[in-house]
């Protein structure tokens, strides 16, 4: 049985939060996440810095890495500053 990992991402946006949110909540985004059995648990913006975002997902171990390998450039094209991404995995 695969182990589910909760992954916490923080990053900065190049666009405003509402624009990014419409991308993140889109059917296209949900379809790509479901391809790797990734379930979004929470997303929000920093109260002090609205360009800073947190996203928490849960997925089988290794699936987030596979998702980013396949869709990393797609994510970068939708306002995420890839160089600012910080990741931590939780059991």
N, C-alpha and C. Protein backbone atom coordinates (compact mmCIF):
# COMPACT_ATOMS: atom_id res chain seq x y z
N UNK A 1 0.85 -1.19 0.00
CA UNK A 1 0.00 0.00 0.00
C UNK A 1 0.89 1.24 0.00
N UNK A 2 0.67 2.16 -0.95
CA UNK A 2 1.50 3.37 -1.02
C UNK A 2 1.29 4.26 0.21
N UNK A 3 2.35 4.94 0.58
CA UNK A 3 2.30 5.89 1.68
C UNK A 3 1.86 7.24 1.13
N UNK A 4 0.87 7.86 1.76
CA UNK A 4 0.47 9.21 1.37
C UNK A 4 1.35 10.21 2.08
N UNK A 5 1.85 11.16 1.32
CA UNK A 5 2.71 12.23 1.81
C UNK A 5 1.94 13.55 1.70
N UNK A 6 2.03 14.36 2.75
CA UNK A 6 1.49 15.71 2.69
C UNK A 6 2.65 16.63 2.38
N UNK A 7 2.51 17.38 1.29
CA UNK A 7 3.58 18.26 0.83
C UNK A 7 3.15 19.71 0.98
N UNK A 8 4.03 20.50 1.60
CA UNK A 8 3.78 21.93 1.81
C UNK A 8 4.71 22.71 0.89
N UNK A 9 4.13 23.56 0.08
CA UNK A 9 4.88 24.43 -0.83
C UNK A 9 4.66 25.87 -0.42
N UNK A 10 5.71 26.66 -0.42
CA UNK A 10 5.57 28.10 -0.35
C UNK A 10 6.33 28.67 -1.54
N UNK A 11 5.83 29.76 -2.07
CA UNK A 11 6.47 30.38 -3.24
C UNK A 11 5.93 31.78 -3.44
N UNK A 12 6.57 32.49 -4.36
CA UNK A 12 6.13 33.84 -4.72
C UNK A 12 5.46 33.81 -6.09
N UNK A 13 4.57 34.77 -6.29
CA UNK A 13 3.87 34.90 -7.55
C UNK A 13 4.39 36.07 -8.37
N UNK A 14 4.32 35.92 -9.67
CA UNK A 14 4.62 37.03 -10.60
C UNK A 14 3.34 37.76 -11.01
N UNK A 15 2.19 37.18 -10.67
CA UNK A 15 0.89 37.76 -10.98
C UNK A 15 0.14 37.94 -9.66
N UNK A 16 -1.03 38.57 -9.70
CA UNK A 16 -1.76 38.73 -8.44
C UNK A 16 -2.42 37.40 -8.04
N UNK A 17 -2.75 37.29 -6.77
CA UNK A 17 -3.25 36.04 -6.21
C UNK A 17 -4.54 35.59 -6.88
N UNK A 18 -5.46 36.51 -7.16
CA UNK A 18 -6.73 36.13 -7.78
C UNK A 18 -6.53 35.54 -9.16
N UNK A 19 -5.59 36.09 -9.94
CA UNK A 19 -5.28 35.51 -11.25
C UNK A 19 -4.75 34.09 -11.09
N UNK A 20 -3.80 33.93 -10.17
CA UNK A 20 -3.22 32.61 -9.94
C UNK A 20 -4.28 31.63 -9.44
N UNK A 21 -5.16 32.10 -8.56
CA UNK A 21 -6.20 31.25 -8.00
C UNK A 21 -7.13 30.71 -9.08
N UNK A 22 -7.46 31.54 -10.05
CA UNK A 22 -8.33 31.06 -11.14
C UNK A 22 -7.64 29.96 -11.94
N UNK A 23 -6.31 30.05 -12.08
CA UNK A 23 -5.55 28.98 -12.72
C UNK A 23 -5.52 27.74 -11.83
N UNK A 24 -5.21 27.91 -10.55
CA UNK A 24 -5.06 26.79 -9.62
C UNK A 24 -6.38 26.03 -9.47
N UNK A 25 -7.50 26.74 -9.45
CA UNK A 25 -8.81 26.13 -9.25
C UNK A 25 -9.48 25.68 -10.55
N UNK A 26 -8.79 25.79 -11.67
CA UNK A 26 -9.39 25.47 -12.97
C UNK A 26 -9.58 23.96 -13.16
N UNK A 27 -10.47 23.62 -14.07
CA UNK A 27 -10.70 22.21 -14.44
C UNK A 27 -9.42 21.60 -15.00
N UNK A 28 -8.69 22.37 -15.79
CA UNK A 28 -7.44 21.88 -16.38
C UNK A 28 -6.42 21.52 -15.30
N UNK A 29 -6.29 22.38 -14.31
CA UNK A 29 -5.37 22.11 -13.21
C UNK A 29 -5.81 20.88 -12.42
N UNK A 30 -7.10 20.79 -12.12
CA UNK A 30 -7.61 19.63 -11.39
C UNK A 30 -7.40 18.33 -12.16
N UNK A 31 -7.55 18.38 -13.46
CA UNK A 31 -7.32 17.20 -14.29
C UNK A 31 -5.87 16.74 -14.20
N UNK A 32 -4.94 17.68 -14.28
CA UNK A 32 -3.52 17.35 -14.21
C UNK A 32 -3.14 16.80 -12.83
N UNK A 33 -3.69 17.39 -11.77
CA UNK A 33 -3.42 16.90 -10.42
C UNK A 33 -3.98 15.49 -10.24
N UNK A 34 -5.20 15.26 -10.72
CA UNK A 34 -5.81 13.94 -10.53
C UNK A 34 -5.06 12.85 -11.30
N UNK A 35 -4.38 13.24 -12.37
CA UNK A 35 -3.56 12.28 -13.13
C UNK A 35 -2.53 11.60 -12.22
N UNK A 36 -2.08 12.31 -11.18
CA UNK A 36 -1.09 11.78 -10.25
C UNK A 36 -1.68 11.53 -8.85
N UNK A 37 -2.99 11.49 -8.77
CA UNK A 37 -3.71 11.25 -7.51
C UNK A 37 -3.29 12.26 -6.43
N UNK A 38 -3.18 13.52 -6.84
CA UNK A 38 -2.79 14.61 -5.93
C UNK A 38 -4.06 15.34 -5.50
N UNK A 39 -4.23 15.48 -4.19
CA UNK A 39 -5.41 16.14 -3.64
C UNK A 39 -5.01 17.45 -2.97
N UNK A 40 -5.46 18.58 -3.50
CA UNK A 40 -5.20 19.86 -2.83
C UNK A 40 -5.96 19.91 -1.50
N UNK A 41 -5.27 20.30 -0.44
CA UNK A 41 -5.90 20.41 0.87
C UNK A 41 -6.11 21.86 1.28
N UNK A 42 -5.19 22.74 0.88
CA UNK A 42 -5.28 24.15 1.28
C UNK A 42 -4.42 24.98 0.34
N UNK A 43 -4.87 26.20 0.07
CA UNK A 43 -4.06 27.21 -0.62
C UNK A 43 -4.47 28.56 -0.09
N UNK A 44 -3.48 29.42 0.10
CA UNK A 44 -3.76 30.74 0.62
C UNK A 44 -2.60 31.68 0.40
N UNK A 45 -2.84 32.95 0.66
CA UNK A 45 -1.80 33.95 0.49
C UNK A 45 -1.40 34.50 1.84
N UNK A 46 -0.17 34.94 1.93
CA UNK A 46 0.36 35.50 3.16
C UNK A 46 -0.33 36.84 3.46
N UNK A 47 -0.72 37.00 4.68
CA UNK A 47 -1.40 38.23 5.09
C UNK A 47 -0.49 39.45 4.95
N UNK A 48 0.81 39.29 5.27
CA UNK A 48 1.76 40.40 5.22
C UNK A 48 2.35 40.62 3.83
N UNK A 49 2.37 39.57 2.99
CA UNK A 49 2.97 39.65 1.66
C UNK A 49 2.07 38.93 0.67
N UNK A 50 1.13 39.64 0.02
CA UNK A 50 0.15 39.00 -0.84
C UNK A 50 0.72 38.27 -2.06
N UNK A 51 1.99 38.48 -2.38
CA UNK A 51 2.61 37.75 -3.49
C UNK A 51 3.17 36.40 -3.03
N UNK A 52 3.14 36.14 -1.72
CA UNK A 52 3.64 34.88 -1.15
C UNK A 52 2.47 33.94 -0.92
N UNK A 53 2.63 32.68 -1.36
CA UNK A 53 1.54 31.71 -1.36
C UNK A 53 1.98 30.43 -0.66
N UNK A 54 1.01 29.76 -0.03
CA UNK A 54 1.23 28.43 0.52
C UNK A 54 0.21 27.49 -0.13
N UNK A 55 0.67 26.29 -0.47
CA UNK A 55 -0.20 25.26 -1.02
C UNK A 55 0.14 23.96 -0.32
N UNK A 56 -0.88 23.24 0.12
CA UNK A 56 -0.69 21.96 0.77
C UNK A 56 -1.45 20.90 -0.03
N UNK A 57 -0.72 19.86 -0.43
CA UNK A 57 -1.29 18.75 -1.20
C UNK A 57 -1.04 17.44 -0.46
N UNK A 58 -1.84 16.44 -0.80
CA UNK A 58 -1.56 15.09 -0.32
C UNK A 58 -1.58 14.16 -1.53
N UNK A 59 -0.59 13.25 -1.58
CA UNK A 59 -0.49 12.33 -2.71
C UNK A 59 0.36 11.13 -2.33
N UNK A 60 0.27 10.06 -3.11
CA UNK A 60 1.17 8.94 -2.88
C UNK A 60 2.63 9.39 -3.02
N UNK A 61 3.48 8.78 -2.24
CA UNK A 61 4.90 9.15 -2.23
C UNK A 61 5.48 9.11 -3.65
N UNK A 62 6.19 10.17 -4.01
CA UNK A 62 6.84 10.28 -5.32
C UNK A 62 6.01 10.94 -6.39
N UNK A 63 4.70 11.06 -6.17
CA UNK A 63 3.84 11.60 -7.23
C UNK A 63 4.01 13.11 -7.45
N UNK A 64 4.33 13.86 -6.38
CA UNK A 64 4.55 15.29 -6.58
C UNK A 64 5.76 15.53 -7.48
N UNK A 65 6.81 14.75 -7.28
CA UNK A 65 8.01 14.89 -8.11
C UNK A 65 7.68 14.57 -9.56
N UNK A 66 6.92 13.50 -9.79
CA UNK A 66 6.52 13.14 -11.16
C UNK A 66 5.68 14.25 -11.79
N UNK A 67 4.78 14.83 -11.00
CA UNK A 67 3.94 15.92 -11.48
C UNK A 67 4.79 17.11 -11.93
N UNK A 68 5.76 17.50 -11.09
CA UNK A 68 6.61 18.65 -11.43
C UNK A 68 7.52 18.35 -12.61
N UNK A 69 7.97 17.12 -12.74
CA UNK A 69 8.79 16.76 -13.90
C UNK A 69 7.99 16.92 -15.19
N UNK A 70 6.73 16.54 -15.15
CA UNK A 70 5.89 16.63 -16.35
C UNK A 70 5.35 18.04 -16.59
N UNK A 71 4.97 18.75 -15.51
CA UNK A 71 4.24 20.01 -15.67
C UNK A 71 4.95 21.24 -15.09
N UNK A 72 6.22 21.15 -14.79
CA UNK A 72 6.95 22.28 -14.21
C UNK A 72 6.90 23.53 -15.07
N UNK A 73 7.11 23.40 -16.36
CA UNK A 73 7.10 24.58 -17.23
C UNK A 73 5.69 25.15 -17.35
N UNK A 74 4.69 24.31 -17.32
CA UNK A 74 3.30 24.74 -17.36
C UNK A 74 2.99 25.58 -16.12
N UNK A 75 3.48 25.14 -14.95
CA UNK A 75 3.28 25.88 -13.70
C UNK A 75 3.98 27.24 -13.78
N UNK A 76 5.21 27.24 -14.27
CA UNK A 76 5.97 28.49 -14.38
C UNK A 76 5.28 29.48 -15.32
N UNK A 77 4.60 28.99 -16.32
CA UNK A 77 3.89 29.86 -17.27
C UNK A 77 2.60 30.43 -16.70
N UNK A 78 2.27 30.06 -15.48
CA UNK A 78 1.04 30.55 -14.86
C UNK A 78 1.33 31.35 -13.59
N UNK A 79 2.43 32.09 -13.61
CA UNK A 79 2.68 33.09 -12.58
C UNK A 79 3.47 32.67 -11.37
N UNK A 80 3.94 31.42 -11.31
CA UNK A 80 4.72 30.97 -10.16
C UNK A 80 6.20 31.23 -10.41
N UNK A 81 6.87 31.90 -9.47
CA UNK A 81 8.32 32.08 -9.56
C UNK A 81 8.96 30.79 -9.07
N UNK A 82 9.33 29.95 -10.01
CA UNK A 82 9.86 28.61 -9.70
C UNK A 82 11.06 28.68 -8.75
N UNK A 83 11.91 29.67 -8.91
CA UNK A 83 13.13 29.77 -8.09
C UNK A 83 12.82 30.03 -6.61
N UNK A 84 11.59 30.42 -6.29
CA UNK A 84 11.24 30.73 -4.90
C UNK A 84 10.54 29.58 -4.19
N UNK A 85 10.30 28.48 -4.89
CA UNK A 85 9.56 27.37 -4.29
C UNK A 85 10.38 26.71 -3.18
N UNK A 86 9.74 26.57 -2.03
CA UNK A 86 10.29 25.81 -0.91
C UNK A 86 9.33 24.67 -0.63
N UNK A 87 9.87 23.47 -0.41
CA UNK A 87 9.06 22.26 -0.27
C UNK A 87 9.42 21.53 1.01
N UNK A 88 8.39 21.03 1.71
CA UNK A 88 8.63 20.12 2.82
C UNK A 88 7.58 19.01 2.75
N UNK A 89 8.02 17.78 3.05
CA UNK A 89 7.12 16.62 3.02
C UNK A 89 6.87 16.15 4.44
N UNK A 90 5.63 15.71 4.69
CA UNK A 90 5.18 15.34 6.03
C UNK A 90 4.46 14.00 5.98
N UNK A 91 4.69 13.19 7.01
CA UNK A 91 3.99 11.90 7.14
C UNK A 91 2.79 12.05 8.03
